[in-house]
All heavy atoms as atom14 arrays in JSON, in Angstrom:
{
  "sequence": "CGIDTVEFWKWSNKDIDKIKQNNMNVSIFNIDSADEKLSYDLSRGIL",
  "atom14_mask": [
    [1, 1, 1, 1, 1, 1, 0, 0, 0, 0, 0, 0, 0, 0],
    [1, 1, 1, 1, 0, 0, 0, 0, 0, 0, 0, 0, 0, 0],
    [1, 1, 1, 1, 1, 1, 1, 1, 0, 0, 0, 0, 0, 0],
    [1, 1, 1, 1, 1, 1, 1, 1, 0, 0, 0, 0, 0, 0],
    [1, 1, 1, 1, 1, 1, 1, 0, 0, 0, 0, 0, 0, 0],
    [1, 1, 1, 1, 1, 1, 1, 0, 0, 0, 0, 0, 0, 0],
    [1, 1, 1, 1, 1, 1, 1, 1, 1, 0, 0, 0, 0, 0],
    [1, 1, 1, 1, 1, 1, 1, 1, 1, 1, 1, 0, 0, 0],
    [1, 1, 1, 1, 1, 1, 1, 1, 1, 1, 1, 1, 1, 1],
    [1, 1, 1, 1, 1, 1, 1, 1, 1, 0, 0, 0, 0, 0],
    [1, 1, 1, 1, 1, 1, 1, 1, 1, 1, 1, 1, 1, 1],
    [1, 1, 1, 1, 1, 1, 0, 0, 0, 0, 0, 0, 0, 0],
    [1, 1, 1, 1, 1, 1, 1, 1, 0, 0, 0, 0, 0, 0],
    [1, 1, 1, 1, 1, 1, 1, 1, 1, 0, 0, 0, 0, 0],
    [1, 1, 1, 1, 1, 1, 1, 1, 0, 0, 0, 0, 0, 0],
    [1, 1, 1, 1, 1, 1, 1, 1, 0, 0, 0, 0, 0, 0],
    [1, 1, 1, 1, 1, 1, 1, 1, 0, 0, 0, 0, 0, 0],
    [1, 1, 1, 1, 1, 1, 1, 1, 1, 0, 0, 0, 0, 0],
    [1, 1, 1, 1, 1, 1, 1, 1, 0, 0, 0, 0, 0, 0],
    [1, 1, 1, 1, 1, 1, 1, 1, 1, 0, 0, 0, 0, 0],
    [1, 1, 1, 1, 1, 1, 1, 1, 1, 0, 0, 0, 0, 0],
    [1, 1, 1, 1, 1, 1, 1, 1, 0, 0, 0, 0, 0, 0],
    [1, 1, 1, 1, 1, 1, 1, 1, 0, 0, 0, 0, 0, 0],
    [1, 1, 1, 1, 1, 1, 1, 1, 0, 0, 0, 0, 0, 0],
    [1, 1, 1, 1, 1, 1, 1, 1, 0, 0, 0, 0, 0, 0],
    [1, 1, 1, 1, 1, 1, 1, 0, 0, 0, 0, 0, 0, 0],
    [1, 1, 1, 1, 1, 1, 0, 0, 0, 0, 0, 0, 0, 0],
    [1, 1, 1, 1, 1, 1, 1, 1, 0, 0, 0, 0, 0, 0],
    [1, 1, 1, 1, 1, 1, 1, 1, 1, 1, 1, 0, 0, 0],
    [1, 1, 1, 1, 1, 1, 1, 1, 0, 0, 0, 0, 0, 0],
    [1, 1, 1, 1, 1, 1, 1, 1, 0, 0, 0, 0, 0, 0],
    [1, 1, 1, 1, 1, 1, 1, 1, 0, 0, 0, 0, 0, 0],
    [1, 1, 1, 1, 1, 1, 0, 0, 0, 0, 0, 0, 0, 0],
    [1, 1, 1, 1, 1, 0, 0, 0, 0, 0, 0, 0, 0, 0],
    [1, 1, 1, 1, 1, 1, 1, 1, 0, 0, 0, 0, 0, 0],
    [1, 1, 1, 1, 1, 1, 1, 1, 1, 0, 0, 0, 0, 0],
    [1, 1, 1, 1, 1, 1, 1, 1, 1, 0, 0, 0, 0, 0],
    [1, 1, 1, 1, 1, 1, 1, 1, 0, 0, 0, 0, 0, 0],
    [1, 1, 1, 1, 1, 1, 0, 0, 0, 0, 0, 0, 0, 0],
    [1, 1, 1, 1, 1, 1, 1, 1, 1, 1, 1, 1, 0, 0],
    [1, 1, 1, 1, 1, 1, 1, 1, 0, 0, 0, 0, 0, 0],
    [1, 1, 1, 1, 1, 1, 1, 1, 0, 0, 0, 0, 0, 0],
    [1, 1, 1, 1, 1, 1, 0, 0, 0, 0, 0, 0, 0, 0],
    [1, 1, 1, 1, 1, 1, 1, 1, 1, 1, 1, 0, 0, 0],
    [1, 1, 1, 1, 0, 0, 0, 0, 0, 0, 0, 0, 0, 0],
    [1, 1, 1, 1, 1, 1, 1, 1, 0, 0, 0, 0, 0, 0],
    [1, 1, 1, 1, 1, 1, 1, 1, 0, 0, 0, 0, 0, 0]
  ],
  "atom14_positions": [
    [[30.56, 81.75, 67.51], [29.84, 80.98, 68.49], [30.26, 81.32, 69.95], [29.81, 80.68, 70.92], [30.07, 79.46, 68.26], [29.36, 78.85, 66.71], [0.0, 0.0, 0.0], [0.0, 0.0, 0.0], [0.0, 0.0, 0.0], [0.0, 0.0, 0.0], [0.0, 0.0, 0.0], [0.0, 0.0, 0.0], [0.0, 0.0, 0.0], [0.0, 0.0, 0.0]],
    [[31.14, 82.29, 70.01], [31.57, 82.78, 71.33], [32.66, 81.98, 72.0], [32.89, 82.09, 73.17], [0.0, 0.0, 0.0], [0.0, 0.0, 0.0], [0.0, 0.0, 0.0], [0.0, 0.0, 0.0], [0.0, 0.0, 0.0], [0.0, 0.0, 0.0], [0.0, 0.0, 0.0], [0.0, 0.0, 0.0], [0.0, 0.0, 0.0], [0.0, 0.0, 0.0]],
    [[33.41, 81.23, 71.14], [34.52, 80.4, 71.63], [35.77, 80.98, 71.03], [35.86, 81.22, 69.81], [34.32, 78.93, 71.26], [33.05, 78.39, 71.95], [35.56, 78.08, 71.69], [32.64, 76.99, 71.5], [0.0, 0.0, 0.0], [0.0, 0.0, 0.0], [0.0, 0.0, 0.0], [0.0, 0.0, 0.0], [0.0, 0.0, 0.0], [0.0, 0.0, 0.0]],
    [[36.82, 81.15, 71.85], [38.04, 81.86, 71.37], [39.24, 80.96, 71.13], [40.35, 81.46, 70.94], [38.41, 83.03, 72.35], [38.78, 82.48, 73.75], [38.81, 81.26, 73.95], [39.11, 83.3, 74.62], [0.0, 0.0, 0.0], [0.0, 0.0, 0.0], [0.0, 0.0, 0.0], [0.0, 0.0, 0.0], [0.0, 0.0, 0.0], [0.0, 0.0, 0.0]],
    [[39.04, 79.63, 71.22], [40.14, 78.7, 71.13], [39.81, 77.56, 70.2], [38.73, 76.99, 70.26], [40.51, 78.17, 72.53], [40.75, 79.27, 73.43], [41.74, 77.3, 72.44], [0.0, 0.0, 0.0], [0.0, 0.0, 0.0], [0.0, 0.0, 0.0], [0.0, 0.0, 0.0], [0.0, 0.0, 0.0], [0.0, 0.0, 0.0], [0.0, 0.0, 0.0]],
    [[40.83, 77.21, 69.4], [40.72, 76.08, 68.48], [41.82, 75.12, 68.7], [42.82, 75.38, 69.34], [40.7, 76.51, 66.98], [39.54, 77.42, 66.69], [42.02, 77.2, 66.64], [0.0, 0.0, 0.0], [0.0, 0.0, 0.0], [0.0, 0.0, 0.0], [0.0, 0.0, 0.0], [0.0, 0.0, 0.0], [0.0, 0.0, 0.0], [0.0, 0.0, 0.0]],
    [[41.67, 73.9, 68.13], [42.72, 72.92, 68.09], [42.58, 72.22, 66.73], [41.56, 72.29, 66.07], [42.53, 71.88, 69.23], [41.24, 71.17, 69.31], [41.04, 70.29, 70.51], [40.75, 70.85, 71.61], [41.23, 69.09, 70.38], [0.0, 0.0, 0.0], [0.0, 0.0, 0.0], [0.0, 0.0, 0.0], [0.0, 0.0, 0.0], [0.0, 0.0, 0.0]],
    [[43.67, 71.54, 66.33], [43.69, 70.89, 65.08], [44.69, 69.69, 65.16], [45.3, 69.46, 66.21], [44.05, 71.79, 63.9], [45.35, 72.57, 64.05], [46.5, 71.99, 63.57], [45.39, 73.84, 64.63], [47.74, 72.69, 63.72], [46.54, 74.53, 64.77], [47.77, 73.99, 64.32], [0.0, 0.0, 0.0], [0.0, 0.0, 0.0], [0.0, 0.0, 0.0]],
    [[44.79, 68.94, 64.08], [45.64, 67.75, 64.06], [47.02, 68.12, 63.5], [47.82, 68.65, 64.2], [44.93, 66.61, 63.31], [43.62, 66.22, 63.91], [43.28, 66.3, 65.22], [42.49, 65.71, 63.23], [41.99, 65.85, 65.43], [41.48, 65.48, 64.22], [42.19, 65.38, 61.88], [40.24, 64.93, 63.89], [40.93, 64.86, 61.59], [40.0, 64.65, 62.55]],
    [[47.31, 67.75, 62.32], [48.63, 68.02, 61.76], [48.91, 69.51, 61.5], [47.98, 70.24, 61.1], [48.78, 67.27, 60.4], [48.77, 65.8, 60.51], [49.16, 65.18, 59.13], [49.33, 63.68, 59.25], [49.97, 63.12, 58.07], [0.0, 0.0, 0.0], [0.0, 0.0, 0.0], [0.0, 0.0, 0.0], [0.0, 0.0, 0.0], [0.0, 0.0, 0.0]],
    [[50.19, 69.89, 61.67], [50.58, 71.26, 61.26], [51.26, 71.26, 59.92], [51.29, 72.3, 59.25], [51.47, 71.9, 62.3], [52.74, 71.21, 62.67], [52.98, 70.47, 63.77], [53.94, 71.23, 61.91], [54.3, 70.02, 63.76], [54.93, 70.45, 62.59], [54.36, 71.76, 60.64], [56.24, 70.22, 62.12], [55.67, 71.52, 60.21], [56.54, 70.8, 60.92]],
    [[51.74, 70.14, 59.47], [52.6, 70.12, 58.27], [51.82, 70.4, 56.99], [52.38, 70.8, 55.95], [53.32, 68.78, 58.15], [52.42, 67.71, 58.01], [0.0, 0.0, 0.0], [0.0, 0.0, 0.0], [0.0, 0.0, 0.0], [0.0, 0.0, 0.0], [0.0, 0.0, 0.0], [0.0, 0.0, 0.0], [0.0, 0.0, 0.0], [0.0, 0.0, 0.0]],
    [[50.49, 70.23, 57.06], [49.67, 70.5, 55.85], [48.87, 71.79, 55.97], [47.91, 71.96, 55.31], [48.7, 69.31, 55.63], [47.79, 69.05, 56.78], [47.85, 69.69, 57.8], [46.92, 68.04, 56.61], [0.0, 0.0, 0.0], [0.0, 0.0, 0.0], [0.0, 0.0, 0.0], [0.0, 0.0, 0.0], [0.0, 0.0, 0.0], [0.0, 0.0, 0.0]],
    [[49.32, 72.65, 56.89], [48.59, 73.9, 57.14], [49.53, 75.12, 57.02], [50.76, 74.99, 57.22], [47.95, 73.86, 58.48], [46.86, 72.74, 58.59], [46.26, 72.66, 59.99], [45.1, 71.67, 59.98], [45.54, 70.25, 59.77], [0.0, 0.0, 0.0], [0.0, 0.0, 0.0], [0.0, 0.0, 0.0], [0.0, 0.0, 0.0], [0.0, 0.0, 0.0]],
    [[48.95, 76.27, 56.78], [49.74, 77.53, 56.68], [49.7, 78.14, 58.11], [48.72, 78.71, 58.53], [49.02, 78.48, 55.69], [49.77, 79.8, 55.46], [50.48, 80.24, 56.38], [49.69, 80.33, 54.32], [0.0, 0.0, 0.0], [0.0, 0.0, 0.0], [0.0, 0.0, 0.0], [0.0, 0.0, 0.0], [0.0, 0.0, 0.0], [0.0, 0.0, 0.0]],
    [[50.8, 77.99, 58.79], [50.87, 78.43, 60.23], [50.74, 79.94, 60.33], [50.1, 80.46, 61.25], [52.16, 77.96, 60.85], [52.31, 76.42, 60.77], [52.25, 78.42, 62.28], [51.18, 75.67, 61.35], [0.0, 0.0, 0.0], [0.0, 0.0, 0.0], [0.0, 0.0, 0.0], [0.0, 0.0, 0.0], [0.0, 0.0, 0.0], [0.0, 0.0, 0.0]],
    [[51.3, 80.68, 59.36], [51.12, 82.15, 59.36], [49.65, 82.55, 59.25], [49.16, 83.47, 59.89], [51.91, 82.8, 58.19], [53.43, 82.73, 58.46], [53.84, 82.75, 59.63], [54.14, 82.62, 57.45], [0.0, 0.0, 0.0], [0.0, 0.0, 0.0], [0.0, 0.0, 0.0], [0.0, 0.0, 0.0], [0.0, 0.0, 0.0], [0.0, 0.0, 0.0]],
    [[48.94, 81.8, 58.43], [47.52, 82.1, 58.22], [46.73, 81.81, 59.52], [45.79, 82.5, 59.85], [46.99, 81.29, 57.05], [45.85, 81.95, 56.29], [45.62, 81.22, 54.95], [44.5, 81.89, 54.2], [44.25, 81.22, 52.89], [0.0, 0.0, 0.0], [0.0, 0.0, 0.0], [0.0, 0.0, 0.0], [0.0, 0.0, 0.0], [0.0, 0.0, 0.0]],
    [[47.11, 80.71, 60.15], [46.51, 80.39, 61.45], [46.72, 81.49, 62.45], [45.84, 81.96, 63.14], [47.0, 79.06, 61.97], [46.47, 77.9, 61.05], [46.52, 78.79, 63.39], [47.05, 76.53, 61.39], [0.0, 0.0, 0.0], [0.0, 0.0, 0.0], [0.0, 0.0, 0.0], [0.0, 0.0, 0.0], [0.0, 0.0, 0.0], [0.0, 0.0, 0.0]],
    [[47.94, 81.96, 62.49], [48.35, 82.96, 63.46], [47.59, 84.26, 63.22], [47.2, 84.98, 64.22], [49.81, 83.28, 63.26], [50.44, 84.26, 64.25], [50.57, 83.74, 65.64], [51.26, 84.75, 66.58], [51.26, 84.29, 68.0], [0.0, 0.0, 0.0], [0.0, 0.0, 0.0], [0.0, 0.0, 0.0], [0.0, 0.0, 0.0], [0.0, 0.0, 0.0]],
    [[47.3, 84.58, 61.97], [46.61, 85.84, 61.62], [45.16, 85.84, 62.07], [44.56, 86.95, 62.14], [46.62, 86.05, 60.13], [48.01, 86.38, 59.57], [48.14, 86.2, 58.06], [47.13, 86.05, 57.38], [49.38, 86.29, 57.57], [0.0, 0.0, 0.0], [0.0, 0.0, 0.0], [0.0, 0.0, 0.0], [0.0, 0.0, 0.0], [0.0, 0.0, 0.0]],
    [[44.6, 84.71, 62.46], [43.23, 84.7, 62.94], [43.04, 85.2, 64.31], [41.91, 85.38, 64.81], [42.7, 83.28, 62.81], [42.24, 82.93, 61.37], [41.16, 83.28, 60.97], [43.11, 82.23, 60.7], [0.0, 0.0, 0.0], [0.0, 0.0, 0.0], [0.0, 0.0, 0.0], [0.0, 0.0, 0.0], [0.0, 0.0, 0.0], [0.0, 0.0, 0.0]],
    [[44.2, 85.39, 65.04], [44.12, 85.92, 66.39], [43.23, 85.15, 67.32], [42.47, 85.74, 68.15], [43.71, 87.41, 66.39], [44.73, 88.28, 65.68], [45.93, 88.09, 65.89], [44.25, 89.2, 64.87], [0.0, 0.0, 0.0], [0.0, 0.0, 0.0], [0.0, 0.0, 0.0], [0.0, 0.0, 0.0], [0.0, 0.0, 0.0], [0.0, 0.0, 0.0]],
    [[43.29, 83.81, 67.21], [42.58, 82.94, 68.13], [43.6, 82.09, 68.91], [44.67, 81.85, 68.41], [41.59, 82.01, 67.43], [40.41, 82.76, 66.81], [39.14, 81.62, 66.2], [38.37, 81.12, 67.75], [0.0, 0.0, 0.0], [0.0, 0.0, 0.0], [0.0, 0.0, 0.0], [0.0, 0.0, 0.0], [0.0, 0.0, 0.0], [0.0, 0.0, 0.0]],
    [[43.19, 81.67, 70.09], [44.05, 80.84, 70.89], [44.11, 79.42, 70.26], [43.11, 78.96, 69.65], [43.55, 80.69, 72.31], [43.45, 82.01, 73.08], [44.36, 82.84, 72.88], [42.44, 82.21, 73.84], [0.0, 0.0, 0.0], [0.0, 0.0, 0.0], [0.0, 0.0, 0.0], [0.0, 0.0, 0.0], [0.0, 0.0, 0.0], [0.0, 0.0, 0.0]],
    [[45.22, 78.74, 70.41], [45.39, 77.36, 69.93], [45.71, 76.58, 71.14], [46.72, 76.78, 71.86], [46.49, 77.22, 68.88], [46.68, 75.73, 68.57], [46.14, 77.96, 67.64], [0.0, 0.0, 0.0], [0.0, 0.0, 0.0], [0.0, 0.0, 0.0], [0.0, 0.0, 0.0], [0.0, 0.0, 0.0], [0.0, 0.0, 0.0], [0.0, 0.0, 0.0]],
    [[44.87, 75.57, 71.45], [45.08, 74.73, 72.67], [46.08, 73.6, 72.31], [47.1, 73.53, 72.99], [43.81, 74.17, 73.18], [43.1, 73.37, 72.19], [0.0, 0.0, 0.0], [0.0, 0.0, 0.0], [0.0, 0.0, 0.0], [0.0, 0.0, 0.0], [0.0, 0.0, 0.0], [0.0, 0.0, 0.0], [0.0, 0.0, 0.0], [0.0, 0.0, 0.0]],
    [[45.82, 72.8, 71.34], [46.66, 71.67, 71.05], [46.75, 71.38, 69.55], [45.86, 71.82, 68.76], [46.2, 70.38, 71.75], [44.78, 69.99, 71.3], [46.24, 70.48, 73.25], [44.31, 68.64, 71.74], [0.0, 0.0, 0.0], [0.0, 0.0, 0.0], [0.0, 0.0, 0.0], [0.0, 0.0, 0.0], [0.0, 0.0, 0.0], [0.0, 0.0, 0.0]],
    [[47.75, 70.67, 69.17], [47.85, 70.06, 67.83], [48.76, 68.85, 67.95], [49.38, 68.63, 68.99], [48.4, 71.09, 66.8], [49.71, 71.61, 67.05], [50.89, 70.96, 66.73], [49.85, 72.91, 67.67], [52.12, 71.49, 67.02], [51.14, 73.43, 67.93], [52.27, 72.74, 67.59], [0.0, 0.0, 0.0], [0.0, 0.0, 0.0], [0.0, 0.0, 0.0]],
    [[48.83, 68.07, 66.89], [49.61, 66.85, 66.94], [51.11, 67.15, 66.67], [51.41, 67.97, 65.77], [49.14, 65.83, 65.92], [47.89, 65.16, 66.28], [47.05, 65.74, 67.0], [47.64, 63.98, 65.73], [0.0, 0.0, 0.0], [0.0, 0.0, 0.0], [0.0, 0.0, 0.0], [0.0, 0.0, 0.0], [0.0, 0.0, 0.0], [0.0, 0.0, 0.0]],
    [[51.99, 66.44, 67.36], [53.37, 66.47, 66.98], [53.48, 65.97, 65.58], [52.83, 65.07, 65.16], [54.27, 65.68, 67.95], [55.77, 65.97, 67.73], [53.9, 64.2, 67.93], [56.64, 65.37, 68.81], [0.0, 0.0, 0.0], [0.0, 0.0, 0.0], [0.0, 0.0, 0.0], [0.0, 0.0, 0.0], [0.0, 0.0, 0.0], [0.0, 0.0, 0.0]],
    [[54.34, 66.61, 64.69], [54.32, 66.36, 63.26], [55.73, 66.63, 62.68], [56.61, 67.07, 63.37], [53.27, 67.27, 62.68], [52.78, 66.78, 61.3], [53.2, 65.71, 60.87], [52.03, 67.54, 60.62], [0.0, 0.0, 0.0], [0.0, 0.0, 0.0], [0.0, 0.0, 0.0], [0.0, 0.0, 0.0], [0.0, 0.0, 0.0], [0.0, 0.0, 0.0]],
    [[55.81, 66.36, 61.39], [57.08, 66.58, 60.72], [56.83, 67.01, 59.3], [55.81, 66.6, 58.67], [57.91, 65.29, 60.73], [59.06, 65.39, 59.93], [0.0, 0.0, 0.0], [0.0, 0.0, 0.0], [0.0, 0.0, 0.0], [0.0, 0.0, 0.0], [0.0, 0.0, 0.0], [0.0, 0.0, 0.0], [0.0, 0.0, 0.0], [0.0, 0.0, 0.0]],
    [[57.74, 67.76, 58.7], [57.63, 68.16, 57.27], [57.99, 66.93, 56.42], [57.67, 66.96, 55.2], [58.58, 69.29, 56.98], [0.0, 0.0, 0.0], [0.0, 0.0, 0.0], [0.0, 0.0, 0.0], [0.0, 0.0, 0.0], [0.0, 0.0, 0.0], [0.0, 0.0, 0.0], [0.0, 0.0, 0.0], [0.0, 0.0, 0.0], [0.0, 0.0, 0.0]],
    [[58.61, 65.93, 56.94], [58.93, 64.71, 56.23], [57.65, 63.9, 56.11], [57.05, 63.46, 57.13], [59.99, 63.91, 57.01], [60.33, 62.59, 56.41], [59.44, 61.93, 55.85], [61.53, 62.22, 56.51], [0.0, 0.0, 0.0], [0.0, 0.0, 0.0], [0.0, 0.0, 0.0], [0.0, 0.0, 0.0], [0.0, 0.0, 0.0], [0.0, 0.0, 0.0]],
    [[57.09, 63.76, 54.93], [55.81, 63.12, 54.73], [55.73, 61.71, 55.28], [54.69, 61.36, 55.89], [55.46, 63.05, 53.21], [55.16, 64.45, 52.63], [54.66, 64.39, 51.21], [54.28, 63.27, 50.75], [54.62, 65.44, 50.5], [0.0, 0.0, 0.0], [0.0, 0.0, 0.0], [0.0, 0.0, 0.0], [0.0, 0.0, 0.0], [0.0, 0.0, 0.0]],
    [[56.74, 60.95, 55.14], [56.73, 59.55, 55.68], [56.66, 59.61, 57.18], [55.87, 58.87, 57.81], [57.99, 58.82, 55.18], [58.19, 57.43, 55.79], [57.09, 56.42, 55.35], [57.43, 55.05, 55.67], [57.69, 54.76, 57.09], [0.0, 0.0, 0.0], [0.0, 0.0, 0.0], [0.0, 0.0, 0.0], [0.0, 0.0, 0.0], [0.0, 0.0, 0.0]],
    [[57.51, 60.38, 57.82], [57.49, 60.53, 59.26], [56.12, 61.09, 59.73], [55.63, 60.67, 60.77], [58.68, 61.33, 59.73], [58.81, 61.52, 61.24], [58.76, 60.2, 62.01], [60.07, 62.34, 61.6], [0.0, 0.0, 0.0], [0.0, 0.0, 0.0], [0.0, 0.0, 0.0], [0.0, 0.0, 0.0], [0.0, 0.0, 0.0], [0.0, 0.0, 0.0]],
    [[55.65, 62.08, 59.0], [54.32, 62.66, 59.43], [53.27, 61.59, 59.42], [52.44, 61.53, 60.36], [53.97, 63.75, 58.4], [52.66, 64.27, 58.64], [0.0, 0.0, 0.0], [0.0, 0.0, 0.0], [0.0, 0.0, 0.0], [0.0, 0.0, 0.0], [0.0, 0.0, 0.0], [0.0, 0.0, 0.0], [0.0, 0.0, 0.0], [0.0, 0.0, 0.0]],
    [[53.27, 60.7, 58.44], [52.24, 59.64, 58.4], [52.49, 58.7, 59.55], [51.52, 58.34, 60.26], [52.35, 58.86, 57.08], [51.42, 57.68, 57.03], [50.06, 57.8, 56.81], [51.93, 56.39, 57.37], [49.23, 56.72, 56.88], [51.04, 55.3, 57.42], [49.74, 55.47, 57.13], [48.88, 54.35, 57.23], [0.0, 0.0, 0.0], [0.0, 0.0, 0.0]],
    [[53.73, 58.32, 59.78], [54.0, 57.4, 60.9], [53.6, 57.97, 62.21], [53.05, 57.26, 63.1], [55.49, 57.05, 60.9], [55.93, 56.16, 59.77], [55.04, 55.68, 59.0], [57.17, 55.96, 59.56], [0.0, 0.0, 0.0], [0.0, 0.0, 0.0], [0.0, 0.0, 0.0], [0.0, 0.0, 0.0], [0.0, 0.0, 0.0], [0.0, 0.0, 0.0]],
    [[53.8, 59.28, 62.42], [53.41, 59.93, 63.65], [51.93, 59.88, 63.85], [51.39, 59.82, 64.94], [53.91, 61.37, 63.67], [55.43, 61.58, 63.83], [55.85, 62.96, 63.32], [55.85, 61.38, 65.3], [0.0, 0.0, 0.0], [0.0, 0.0, 0.0], [0.0, 0.0, 0.0], [0.0, 0.0, 0.0], [0.0, 0.0, 0.0], [0.0, 0.0, 0.0]],
    [[51.16, 60.01, 62.74], [49.69, 59.97, 62.84], [49.19, 58.54, 63.2], [48.06, 58.37, 63.62], [49.07, 60.4, 61.54], [49.22, 59.36, 60.5], [0.0, 0.0, 0.0], [0.0, 0.0, 0.0], [0.0, 0.0, 0.0], [0.0, 0.0, 0.0], [0.0, 0.0, 0.0], [0.0, 0.0, 0.0], [0.0, 0.0, 0.0], [0.0, 0.0, 0.0]],
    [[50.08, 57.53, 63.07], [49.74, 56.18, 63.56], [50.36, 55.94, 64.89], [49.89, 55.0, 65.65], [50.23, 55.13, 62.52], [49.95, 55.38, 61.07], [48.58, 55.95, 60.77], [47.52, 55.0, 61.07], [46.22, 55.36, 61.04], [45.85, 56.54, 60.73], [45.28, 54.45, 61.35], [0.0, 0.0, 0.0], [0.0, 0.0, 0.0], [0.0, 0.0, 0.0]],
    [[51.47, 56.65, 65.22], [52.12, 56.51, 66.51], [53.43, 55.73, 66.38], [53.46, 54.69, 65.81], [0.0, 0.0, 0.0], [0.0, 0.0, 0.0], [0.0, 0.0, 0.0], [0.0, 0.0, 0.0], [0.0, 0.0, 0.0], [0.0, 0.0, 0.0], [0.0, 0.0, 0.0], [0.0, 0.0, 0.0], [0.0, 0.0, 0.0], [0.0, 0.0, 0.0]],
    [[54.48, 56.33, 66.94], [55.8, 55.7, 66.82], [56.46, 55.37, 68.16], [57.51, 54.73, 68.19], [56.79, 56.61, 65.98], [57.11, 57.91, 66.73], [56.23, 56.85, 64.57], [58.26, 58.69, 66.05], [0.0, 0.0, 0.0], [0.0, 0.0, 0.0], [0.0, 0.0, 0.0], [0.0, 0.0, 0.0], [0.0, 0.0, 0.0], [0.0, 0.0, 0.0]],
    [[55.83, 55.78, 69.25], [56.45, 55.52, 70.58], [56.58, 54.05, 70.87], [57.54, 53.61, 71.39], [55.64, 56.18, 71.67], [55.39, 57.69, 71.65], [54.76, 58.17, 72.91], [56.68, 58.47, 71.35], [0.0, 0.0, 0.0], [0.0, 0.0, 0.0], [0.0, 0.0, 0.0], [0.0, 0.0, 0.0], [0.0, 0.0, 0.0], [0.0, 0.0, 0.0]]
  ]
}
């Protein structure tokens, strides 16, 4: 579509190497954790 940048939500459920291999810019993603409980809490907000 002629757009060179993507964004997504969680990183903990994604293959970061595979994302990197796409050679596209990444603007933003959510702060996250490999700890499933903390990851869920972050998706609701902990500040």
